[in-house]
Amino acid sequence: MAIETTIFSIVDYQLPNGIHNVTFFTDQIHTLVTRSPFFVDSWISEITAIHHPLLHRLIIGLDIEWRPNNRFYDNHAATTLQLYVGRRCLIFQLIYSS
């Protein structure tokens, strides 16, 4: 008898603000993918409101991506900023931000 398990899946709601639900094993991560500083500000405000009583002990995951510097004179700026708080994630596309 074969048992199927889903390790990873993404639900894209096709909304202009880039809301997705990412499922990893049994954890569901509410994810915002955006290039808009307005949506980034809204996400931070929402996180602040949700975790207000625990802000002094809040753990935040951080990752930054950039194009590699293949030559000594290359100096590429960061392209993507990722923040994780609990089961919420922000992916800010810096390279496309306005």
PDB file of N, CA and C in Angstrom:
ATOM      1  N   MET A   1       0.848  -1.181   0.000  1.00  0.00           N
ATOM      2  CA  MET A   1       0.000   0.000   0.000  1.00  0.00           C
ATOM      3  C   MET A   1       0.896   1.248   0.000  1.00  0.00           C
ATOM      4  N   ALA A   2       0.719   2.102  -0.965  1.00  0.00           N
ATOM      5  CA  ALA A   2       1.514   3.328  -1.071  1.00  0.00           C
ATOM      6  C   ALA A   2       0.819   4.458  -0.319  1.00  0.00           C
ATOM      7  N   ILE A   3       1.606   5.204   0.405  1.00  0.00           N
ATOM      8  CA  ILE A   3       1.089   6.376   1.121  1.00  0.00           C
ATOM      9  C   ILE A   3       1.700   7.606   0.483  1.00  0.00           C
ATOM     10  N   GLU A   4       0.849   8.478  -0.013  1.00  0.00           N
ATOM     11  CA  GLU A   4       1.335   9.715  -0.624  1.00  0.00           C
ATOM     12  C   GLU A   4       1.428  10.802   0.430  1.00  0.00           C
ATOM     13  N   THR A   5       2.537  11.506   0.413  1.00  0.00           N
ATOM     14  CA  THR A   5       2.694  12.642   1.317  1.00  0.00           C
ATOM     15  C   THR A   5       3.119  13.852   0.501  1.00  0.00           C
ATOM     16  N   THR A   6       2.616  14.993   0.879  1.00  0.00           N
ATOM     17  CA  THR A   6       3.015  16.235   0.244  1.00  0.00           C
ATOM     18  C   THR A   6       4.030  16.906   1.146  1.00  0.00           C
ATOM     19  N   ILE A   7       5.239  17.050   0.641  1.00  0.00           N
ATOM     20  CA  ILE A   7       6.286  17.694   1.418  1.00  0.00           C
ATOM     21  C   ILE A   7       6.211  19.203   1.263  1.00  0.00           C
ATOM     22  N   PHE A   8       5.858  19.644   0.052  1.00  0.00           N
ATOM     23  CA  PHE A   8       5.925  21.064  -0.245  1.00  0.00           C
ATOM     24  C   PHE A   8       4.862  21.410  -1.275  1.00  0.00           C
ATOM     25  N   SER A   9       4.095  22.454  -1.020  1.00  0.00           N
ATOM     26  CA  SER A   9       3.126  22.937  -2.009  1.00  0.00           C
ATOM     27  C   SER A   9       2.920  24.433  -1.819  1.00  0.00           C
ATOM     28  N   ILE A  10       2.471  25.089  -2.910  1.00  0.00           N
ATOM     29  CA  ILE A  10       2.228  26.527  -2.873  1.00  0.00           C
ATOM     30  C   ILE A  10       0.853  26.800  -3.456  1.00  0.00           C
ATOM     31  N   VAL A  11       0.085  27.620  -2.762  1.00  0.00           N
ATOM     32  CA  VAL A  11      -1.193  28.103  -3.277  1.00  0.00           C
ATOM     33  C   VAL A  11      -1.012  29.577  -3.581  1.00  0.00           C
ATOM     34  N   ASP A  12      -1.175  29.938  -4.845  1.00  0.00           N
ATOM     35  CA  ASP A  12      -1.067  31.325  -5.289  1.00  0.00           C
ATOM     36  C   ASP A  12      -2.481  31.856  -5.472  1.00  0.00           C
ATOM     37  N   TYR A  13      -2.864  32.862  -4.708  1.00  0.00           N
ATOM     38  CA  TYR A  13      -4.220  33.395  -4.764  1.00  0.00           C
ATOM     39  C   TYR A  13      -4.435  34.372  -5.916  1.00  0.00           C
ATOM     40  N   GLN A  14      -3.407  34.606  -6.720  1.00  0.00           N
ATOM     41  CA  GLN A  14      -3.499  35.485  -7.890  1.00  0.00           C
ATOM     42  C   GLN A  14      -4.027  36.876  -7.529  1.00  0.00           C
ATOM     43  N   LEU A  15      -3.621  37.365  -6.382  1.00  0.00           N
ATOM     44  CA  LEU A  15      -4.004  38.703  -5.939  1.00  0.00           C
ATOM     45  C   LEU A  15      -2.886  39.684  -6.253  1.00  0.00           C
ATOM     46  N   PRO A  16      -3.213  40.953  -6.447  1.00  0.00           N
ATOM     47  CA  PRO A  16      -2.184  41.933  -6.790  1.00  0.00           C
ATOM     48  C   PRO A  16      -1.131  42.113  -5.698  1.00  0.00           C
ATOM     49  N   ASN A  17      -1.460  41.783  -4.459  1.00  0.00           N
ATOM     50  CA  ASN A  17      -0.479  41.960  -3.389  1.00  0.00           C
ATOM     51  C   ASN A  17       0.394  40.733  -3.177  1.00  0.00           C
ATOM     52  N   GLY A  18       0.280  39.682  -4.006  1.00  0.00           N
ATOM     53  CA  GLY A  18       1.202  38.558  -3.980  1.00  0.00           C
ATOM     54  C   GLY A  18       1.085  37.639  -2.783  1.00  0.00           C
ATOM     55  N   ILE A  19      -0.129  37.379  -2.322  1.00  0.00           N
ATOM     56  CA  ILE A  19      -0.338  36.499  -1.177  1.00  0.00           C
ATOM     57  C   ILE A  19      -0.296  35.034  -1.630  1.00  0.00           C
ATOM     58  N   HIS A  20       0.466  34.229  -0.883  1.00  0.00           N
ATOM     59  CA  HIS A  20       0.583  32.796  -1.141  1.00  0.00           C
ATOM     60  C   HIS A  20       0.498  32.054   0.187  1.00  0.00           C
ATOM     61  N   ASN A  21       0.079  30.817   0.133  1.00  0.00           N
ATOM     62  CA  ASN A  21       0.219  29.925   1.275  1.00  0.00           C
ATOM     63  C   ASN A  21       1.168  28.820   0.864  1.00  0.00           C
ATOM     64  N   VAL A  22       2.236  28.680   1.608  1.00  0.00           N
ATOM     65  CA  VAL A  22       3.237  27.657   1.340  1.00  0.00           C
ATOM     66  C   VAL A  22       3.082  26.590   2.416  1.00  0.00           C
ATOM     67  N   THR A  23       2.903  25.356   1.992  1.00  0.00           N
ATOM     68  CA  THR A  23       2.803  24.251   2.932  1.00  0.00           C
ATOM     69  C   THR A  23       4.090  23.450   2.874  1.00  0.00           C
ATOM     70  N   PHE A  24       4.691  23.268   4.025  1.00  0.00           N
ATOM     71  CA  PHE A  24       5.907  22.469   4.155  1.00  0.00           C
ATOM     72  C   PHE A  24       5.627  21.411   5.206  1.00  0.00           C
ATOM     73  N   PHE A  25       5.516  20.151   4.757  1.00  0.00           N
ATOM     74  CA  PHE A  25       5.023  19.061   5.587  1.00  0.00           C
ATOM     75  C   PHE A  25       3.661  19.478   6.128  1.00  0.00           C
ATOM     76  N   THR A  26       3.515  19.668   7.425  1.00  0.00           N
ATOM     77  CA  THR A  26       2.203  20.042   7.967  1.00  0.00           C
ATOM     78  C   THR A  26       2.120  21.521   8.334  1.00  0.00           C
ATOM     79  N   ASP A  27       3.191  22.257   8.146  1.00  0.00           N
ATOM     80  CA  ASP A  27       3.203  23.683   8.480  1.00  0.00           C
ATOM     81  C   ASP A  27       2.759  24.518   7.289  1.00  0.00           C
ATOM     82  N   GLN A  28       1.857  25.451   7.534  1.00  0.00           N
ATOM     83  CA  GLN A  28       1.416  26.371   6.497  1.00  0.00           C
ATOM     84  C   GLN A  28       1.987  27.759   6.790  1.00  0.00           C
ATOM     85  N   ILE A  29       2.675  28.323   5.793  1.00  0.00           N
ATOM     86  CA  ILE A  29       3.343  29.606   5.952  1.00  0.00           C
ATOM     87  C   ILE A  29       2.647  30.633   5.072  1.00  0.00           C
ATOM     88  N   HIS A  30       2.072  31.642   5.694  1.00  0.00           N
ATOM     89  CA  HIS A  30       1.384  32.721   4.992  1.00  0.00           C
ATOM     90  C   HIS A  30       2.464  33.653   4.439  1.00  0.00           C
ATOM     91  N   THR A  31       2.554  33.764   3.115  1.00  0.00           N
ATOM     92  CA  THR A  31       3.683  34.430   2.468  1.00  0.00           C
ATOM     93  C   THR A  31       3.222  35.592   1.595  1.00  0.00           C
ATOM     94  N   LEU A  32       3.915  36.710   1.720  1.00  0.00           N
ATOM     95  CA  LEU A  32       3.688  37.866   0.861  1.00  0.00           C
ATOM     96  C   LEU A  32       4.918  38.046  -0.009  1.00  0.00           C
ATOM     97  N   VAL A  33       4.728  38.020  -1.333  1.00  0.00           N
ATOM     98  CA  VAL A  33       5.797  38.303  -2.289  1.00  0.00           C
ATOM     99  C   VAL A  33       5.436  39.621  -2.955  1.00  0.00           C
ATOM    100  N   THR A  34       6.292  40.635  -2.786  1.00  0.00           N
ATOM    101  CA  THR A  34       5.944  41.954  -3.298  1.00  0.00           C
ATOM    102  C   THR A  34       7.187  42.755  -3.676  1.00  0.00           C
ATOM    103  N   ARG A  35       6.950  43.759  -4.488  1.00  0.00           N
ATOM    104  CA  ARG A  35       7.984  44.754  -4.787  1.00  0.00           C
ATOM    105  C   ARG A  35       7.547  46.130  -4.300  1.00  0.00           C
ATOM    106  N   SER A  36       6.406  46.182  -3.642  1.00  0.00           N
ATOM    107  CA  SER A  36       5.809  47.437  -3.194  1.00  0.00           C
ATOM    108  C   SER A  36       6.197  47.774  -1.750  1.00  0.00           C
ATOM    109  N   PRO A  37       6.868  48.907  -1.520  1.00  0.00           N
ATOM    110  CA  PRO A  37       7.166  49.324  -0.146  1.00  0.00           C
ATOM    111  C   PRO A  37       5.902  49.495   0.698  1.00  0.00           C
ATOM    112  N   PHE A  38       4.787  49.860   0.069  1.00  0.00           N
ATOM    113  CA  PHE A  38       3.524  50.007   0.790  1.00  0.00           C
ATOM    114  C   PHE A  38       3.105  48.679   1.416  1.00  0.00           C
ATOM    115  N   PHE A  39       3.180  47.581   0.638  1.00  0.00           N
ATOM    116  CA  PHE A  39       2.795  46.270   1.164  1.00  0.00           C
ATOM    117  C   PHE A  39       3.792  45.783   2.215  1.00  0.00           C
ATOM    118  N   VAL A  40       5.060  46.149   2.069  1.00  0.00           N
ATOM    119  CA  VAL A  40       6.057  45.797   3.083  1.00  0.00           C
ATOM    120  C   VAL A  40       5.708  46.490   4.399  1.00  0.00           C
ATOM    121  N   ASP A  41       5.385  47.767   4.333  1.00  0.00           N
ATOM    122  CA  ASP A  41       4.997  48.520   5.521  1.00  0.00           C
ATOM    123  C   ASP A  41       3.754  47.913   6.171  1.00  0.00           C
ATOM    124  N   SER A  42       2.776  47.533   5.351  1.00  0.00           N
ATOM    125  CA  SER A  42       1.559  46.906   5.873  1.00  0.00           C
ATOM    126  C   SER A  42       1.875  45.579   6.559  1.00  0.00           C
ATOM    127  N   TRP A  43       2.771  44.790   5.951  1.00  0.00           N
ATOM    128  CA  TRP A  43       3.152  43.494   6.523  1.00  0.00           C
ATOM    129  C   TRP A  43       3.814  43.700   7.883  1.00  0.00           C
ATOM    130  N   ILE A  44       4.734  44.661   7.961  1.00  0.00           N
ATOM    131  CA  ILE A  44       5.421  44.938   9.228  1.00  0.00           C
ATOM    132  C   ILE A  44       4.425  45.418  10.283  1.00  0.00           C
ATOM    133  N   SER A  45       3.483  46.260   9.897  1.00  0.00           N
ATOM    134  CA  SER A  45       2.450  46.729  10.841  1.00  0.00           C
ATOM    135  C   SER A  45       1.602  45.569  11.339  1.00  0.00           C
ATOM    136  N   GLU A  46       1.259  44.660  10.447  1.00  0.00           N
ATOM    137  CA  GLU A  46       0.459  43.490  10.835  1.00  0.00           C
ATOM    138  C   GLU A  46       1.242  42.605  11.806  1.00  0.00           C
ATOM    139  N   ILE A  47       2.504  42.352  11.519  1.00  0.00           N
ATOM    140  CA  ILE A  47       3.341  41.536  12.403  1.00  0.00           C
ATOM    141  C   ILE A  47       3.465  42.204  13.768  1.00  0.00           C
ATOM    142  N   THR A  48       3.670  43.517  13.773  1.00  0.00           N
ATOM    143  CA  THR A  48       3.781  44.266  15.021  1.00  0.00           C
ATOM    144  C   THR A  48       2.498  44.150  15.842  1.00  0.00           C
ATOM    145  N   ALA A  49       1.353  44.258  15.180  1.00  0.00           N
ATOM    146  CA  ALA A  49       0.070  44.155  15.881  1.00  0.00           C
ATOM    147  C   ALA A  49      -0.158  42.745  16.428  1.00  0.00           C
ATOM    148  N   ILE A  50       0.157  41.744  15.633  1.00  0.00           N
ATOM    149  CA  ILE A  50      -0.058  40.353  16.055  1.00  0.00           C
ATOM    150  C   ILE A  50       0.831  39.997  17.248  1.00  0.00           C
ATOM    151  N   HIS A  51       2.089  40.416  17.212  1.00  0.00           N
ATOM    152  CA  HIS A  51       3.065  40.005  18.211  1.00  0.00           C
ATOM    153  C   HIS A  51       3.386  41.096  19.223  1.00  0.00           C
ATOM    154  N   HIS A  52       2.531  42.110  19.323  1.00  0.00           N
ATOM    155  CA  HIS A  52       2.808  43.264  20.182  1.00  0.00           C
ATOM    156  C   HIS A  52       3.258  42.897  21.597  1.00  0.00           C
ATOM    157  N   PRO A  53       2.570  41.983  22.290  1.00  0.00           N
ATOM    158  CA  PRO A  53       3.003  41.688  23.671  1.00  0.00           C
ATOM    159  C   PRO A  53       4.382  41.037  23.755  1.00  0.00           C
ATOM    160  N   LEU A  54       4.861  40.458  22.651  1.00  0.00           N
ATOM    161  CA  LEU A  54       6.123  39.719  22.686  1.00  0.00           C
ATOM    162  C   LEU A  54       7.231  40.378  21.860  1.00  0.00           C
ATOM    163  N   LEU A  55       7.051  41.634  21.465  1.00  0.00           N
ATOM    164  CA  LEU A  55       8.032  42.274  20.584  1.00  0.00           C
ATOM    165  C   LEU A  55       9.448  42.260  21.159  1.00  0.00           C
ATOM    166  N   HIS A  56       9.585  42.342  22.453  1.00  0.00           N
ATOM    167  CA  HIS A  56      10.916  42.359  23.064  1.00  0.00           C
ATOM    168  C   HIS A  56      11.601  40.990  23.000  1.00  0.00           C
ATOM    169  N   ARG A  57      10.836  39.920  22.680  1.00  0.00           N
ATOM    170  CA  ARG A  57      11.418  38.582  22.577  1.00  0.00           C
ATOM    171  C   ARG A  57      11.179  37.954  21.210  1.00  0.00           C
ATOM    172  N   LEU A  58      10.802  38.726  20.245  1.00  0.00           N
ATOM    173  CA  LEU A  58      10.430  38.218  18.926  1.00  0.00           C
ATOM    174  C   LEU A  58      11.656  37.724  18.161  1.00  0.00           C
ATOM    175  N   ILE A  59      11.546  36.545  17.590  1.00  0.00           N
ATOM    176  CA  ILE A  59      12.627  35.989  16.764  1.00  0.00           C
ATOM    177  C   ILE A  59      12.261  36.212  15.308  1.00  0.00           C
ATOM    178  N   ILE A  60      13.187  36.808  14.571  1.00  0.00           N
ATOM    179  CA  ILE A  60      12.962  37.129  13.163  1.00  0.00           C
ATOM    180  C   ILE A  60      14.047  36.451  12.339  1.00  0.00           C
ATOM    181  N   GLY A  61      13.615  35.704  11.309  1.00  0.00           N
ATOM    182  CA  GLY A  61      14.563  35.117  10.369  1.00  0.00           C
ATOM    183  C   GLY A  61      14.814  36.104   9.243  1.00  0.00           C
ATOM    184  N   LEU A  62      16.042  36.181   8.771  1.00  0.00           N
ATOM    185  CA  LEU A  62      16.429  37.149   7.757  1.00  0.00           C
ATOM    186  C   LEU A  62      17.308  36.469   6.722  1.00  0.00           C
ATOM    187  N   ASP A  63      17.039  36.757   5.447  1.00  0.00           N
ATOM    188  CA  ASP A  63      17.883  36.273   4.359  1.00  0.00           C
ATOM    189  C   ASP A  63      17.896  37.337   3.275  1.00  0.00           C
ATOM    190  N   ILE A  64      19.034  37.508   2.636  1.00  0.00           N
ATOM    191  CA  ILE A  64      19.172  38.461   1.534  1.00  0.00           C
ATOM    192  C   ILE A  64      19.829  37.732   0.369  1.00  0.00           C
ATOM    193  N   GLU A  65      19.327  37.972  -0.823  1.00  0.00           N
ATOM    194  CA  GLU A  65      19.893  37.371  -2.034  1.00  0.00           C
ATOM    195  C   GLU A  65      20.405  38.477  -2.944  1.00  0.00           C
ATOM    196  N   TRP A  66      21.436  38.181  -3.698  1.00  0.00           N
ATOM    197  CA  TRP A  66      21.948  39.110  -4.694  1.00  0.00           C
ATOM    198  C   TRP A  66      22.631  38.325  -5.794  1.00  0.00           C
ATOM    199  N   ARG A  67      22.806  38.983  -6.936  1.00  0.00           N
ATOM    200  CA  ARG A  67      23.520  38.353  -8.039  1.00  0.00           C
ATOM    201  C   ARG A  67      24.985  38.233  -7.651  1.00  0.00           C
ATOM    202  N   PRO A  68      25.620  37.160  -8.073  1.00  0.00           N
ATOM    203  CA  PRO A  68      27.030  36.981  -7.693  1.00  0.00           C
ATOM    204  C   PRO A  68      27.937  38.026  -8.339  1.00  0.00           C
ATOM    205  N   ASN A  69      28.974  38.360  -7.637  1.00  0.00           N
ATOM    206  CA  ASN A  69      30.017  39.239  -8.169  1.00  0.00           C
ATOM    207  C   ASN A  69      31.093  38.353  -8.791  1.00  0.00           C
ATOM    208  N   ASN A  70      31.041  38.204 -10.111  1.00  0.00           N
ATOM    209  CA  ASN A  70      31.957  37.298 -10.806  1.00  0.00           C
ATOM    210  C   ASN A  70      33.311  37.928 -11.130  1.00  0.00           C
ATOM    211  N   ARG A  71      33.359  39.230 -11.123  1.00  0.00           N
ATOM    212  CA  ARG A  71      34.609  39.935 -11.422  1.00  0.00           C
ATOM    213  C   ARG A  71      34.902  40.892 -10.267  1.00  0.00           C
ATOM    214  N   PHE A  72      36.161  41.228 -10.100  1.00  0.00           N
ATOM    215  CA  PHE A  72      36.542  42.039  -8.947  1.00  0.00           C
ATOM    216  C   PHE A  72      35.882  43.416  -8.949  1.00  0.00           C
ATOM    217  N   TYR A  73      35.478  43.915 -10.108  1.00  0.00           N
ATOM    218  CA  TYR A  73      34.850  45.235 -10.169  1.00  0.00           C
ATOM    219  C   TYR A  73      33.319  45.171 -10.109  1.00  0.00           C
ATOM    220  N   ASP A  74      32.749  43.960 -10.055  1.00  0.00           N
ATOM    221  CA  ASP A  74      31.290  43.817  -9.875  1.00  0.00           C
ATOM    222  C   ASP A  74      30.910  44.253  -8.473  1.00  0.00           C
ATOM    223  N   ASN A  75      29.777  44.915  -8.373  1.00  0.00           N
ATOM    224  CA  ASN A  75      29.264  45.317  -7.069  1.00  0.00           C
ATOM    225  C   ASN A  75      27.741  45.332  -7.148  1.00  0.00           C
ATOM    226  N   HIS A  76      27.153  44.145  -7.187  1.00  0.00           N
ATOM    227  CA  HIS A  76      25.708  44.032  -7.340  1.00  0.00           C
ATOM    228  C   HIS A  76      24.991  44.295  -6.017  1.00  0.00           C
ATOM    229  N   ALA A  77      23.920  45.038  -6.104  1.00  0.00           N
ATOM    230  CA  ALA A  77      23.100  45.317  -4.923  1.00  0.00           C
ATOM    231  C   ALA A  77      22.231  44.110  -4.585  1.00  0.00           C
ATOM    232  N   ALA A  78      21.710  44.102  -3.381  1.00  0.00           N
ATOM    233  CA  ALA A  78      20.795  43.038  -2.968  1.00  0.00           C
ATOM    234  C   ALA A  78      19.559  43.051  -3.868  1.00  0.00           C
ATOM    235  N   THR A  79      19.057  41.872  -4.205  1.00  0.00           N
ATOM    236  CA  THR A  79      17.889  41.772  -5.072  1.00  0.00           C
ATOM    237  C   THR A  79      16.633  41.379  -4.314  1.00  0.00           C
ATOM    238  N   THR A  80      16.779  40.596  -3.251  1.00  0.00           N
ATOM    239  CA  THR A  80      15.617  40.095  -2.518  1.00  0.00           C
ATOM    240  C   THR A  80      15.908  40.091  -1.022  1.00  0.00           C
ATOM    241  N   LEU A  81      14.930  40.547  -0.245  1.00  0.00           N
ATOM    242  CA  LEU A  81      14.993  40.503   1.211  1.00  0.00           C
ATOM    243  C   LEU A  81      13.882  39.575   1.687  1.00  0.00           C
ATOM    244  N   GLN A  82      14.222  38.636   2.553  1.00  0.00           N
ATOM    245  CA  GLN A  82      13.220  37.709   3.095  1.00  0.00           C
ATOM    246  C   GLN A  82      13.211  37.830   4.610  1.00  0.00           C
ATOM    247  N   LEU A  83      12.014  38.026   5.166  1.00  0.00           N
ATOM    248  CA  LEU A  83      11.832  38.081   6.615  1.00  0.00           C
ATOM    249  C   LEU A  83      10.822  37.014   7.013  1.00  0.00           C
ATOM    250  N   TYR A  84      11.108  36.335   8.121  1.00  0.00           N
ATOM    251  CA  TYR A  84      10.220  35.299   8.629  1.00  0.00           C
ATOM    252  C   TYR A  84       9.927  35.576  10.089  1.00  0.00           C
ATOM    253  N   VAL A  85       8.645  35.543  10.436  1.00  0.00           N
ATOM    254  CA  VAL A  85       8.224  35.688  11.819  1.00  0.00           C
ATOM    255  C   VAL A  85       7.124  34.663  12.043  1.00  0.00           C
ATOM    256  N   GLY A  86       7.382  33.696  12.909  1.00  0.00           N
ATOM    257  CA  GLY A  86       6.406  32.635  13.135  1.00  0.00           C
ATOM    258  C   GLY A  86       6.110  31.900  11.847  1.00  0.00           C
ATOM    259  N   ARG A  87       4.847  31.878  11.478  1.00  0.00           N
ATOM    260  CA  ARG A  87       4.438  31.235  10.229  1.00  0.00           C
ATOM    261  C   ARG A  87       4.045  32.268   9.180  1.00  0.00           C
ATOM    262  N   ARG A  88       4.707  33.406   9.231  1.00  0.00           N
ATOM    263  CA  ARG A  88       4.496  34.460   8.236  1.00  0.00           C
ATOM    264  C   ARG A  88       5.836  34.826   7.608  1.00  0.00           C
ATOM    265  N   CYS A  89       5.783  35.065   6.306  1.00  0.00           N
ATOM    266  CA  CYS A  89       7.001  35.335   5.551  1.00  0.00           C
ATOM    267  C   CYS A  89       6.771  36.517   4.619  1.00  0.00           C
ATOM    268  N   LEU A  90       7.789  37.357   4.507  1.00  0.00           N
ATOM    269  CA  LEU A  90       7.785  38.465   3.561  1.00  0.00           C
ATOM    270  C   LEU A  90       8.939  38.253   2.592  1.00  0.00           C
ATOM    271  N   ILE A  91       8.657  38.293   1.306  1.00  0.00           N
ATOM    272  CA  ILE A  91       9.694  38.263   0.286  1.00  0.00           C
ATOM    273  C   ILE A  91       9.571  39.585  -0.477  1.00  0.00           C
ATOM    274  N   PHE A  92      10.528  40.479  -0.215  1.00  0.00           N
ATOM    275  CA  PHE A  92      10.530  41.811  -0.800  1.00  0.00           C
ATOM    276  C   PHE A  92      11.499  41.798  -1.977  1.00  0.00           C
ATOM    277  N   GLN A  93      10.968  41.991  -3.176  1.00  0.00           N
ATOM    278  CA  GLN A  93      11.763  41.987  -4.398  1.00  0.00           C
ATOM    279  C   GLN A  93      12.382  43.365  -4.601  1.00  0.00           C
ATOM    280  N   LEU A  94      13.501  43.586  -3.956  1.00  0.00           N
ATOM    281  CA  LEU A  94      14.171  44.885  -3.995  1.00  0.00           C
ATOM    282  C   LEU A  94      14.532  45.329  -5.399  1.00  0.00           C
ATOM    283  N   ILE A  95      14.934  44.393  -6.210  1.00  0.00           N
ATOM    284  CA  ILE A  95      15.382  44.711  -7.568  1.00  0.00           C
ATOM    285  C   ILE A  95      14.257  45.328  -8.414  1.00  0.00           C
ATOM    286  N   TYR A  96      13.011  45.018  -8.065  1.00  0.00           N
ATOM    287  CA  TYR A  96      11.860  45.543  -8.821  1.00  0.00           C
ATOM    288  C   TYR A  96      11.093  46.611  -8.055  1.00  0.00           C
ATOM    289  N   SER A  97      11.561  46.989  -6.859  1.00  0.00           N
ATOM    290  CA  SER A  97      10.780  47.904  -6.033  1.00  0.00           C
ATOM    291  C   SER A  97      10.702  49.289  -6.659  1.00  0.00           C
ATOM    292  N   SER A  98       9.604  49.943  -6.325  1.00  0.00           N
ATOM    293  CA  SER A  98       9.377  51.276  -6.888  1.00  0.00           C
ATOM    294  C   SER A  98       9.325  52.314  -5.785  1.00  0.00           C
TER     295      SER A  98
END
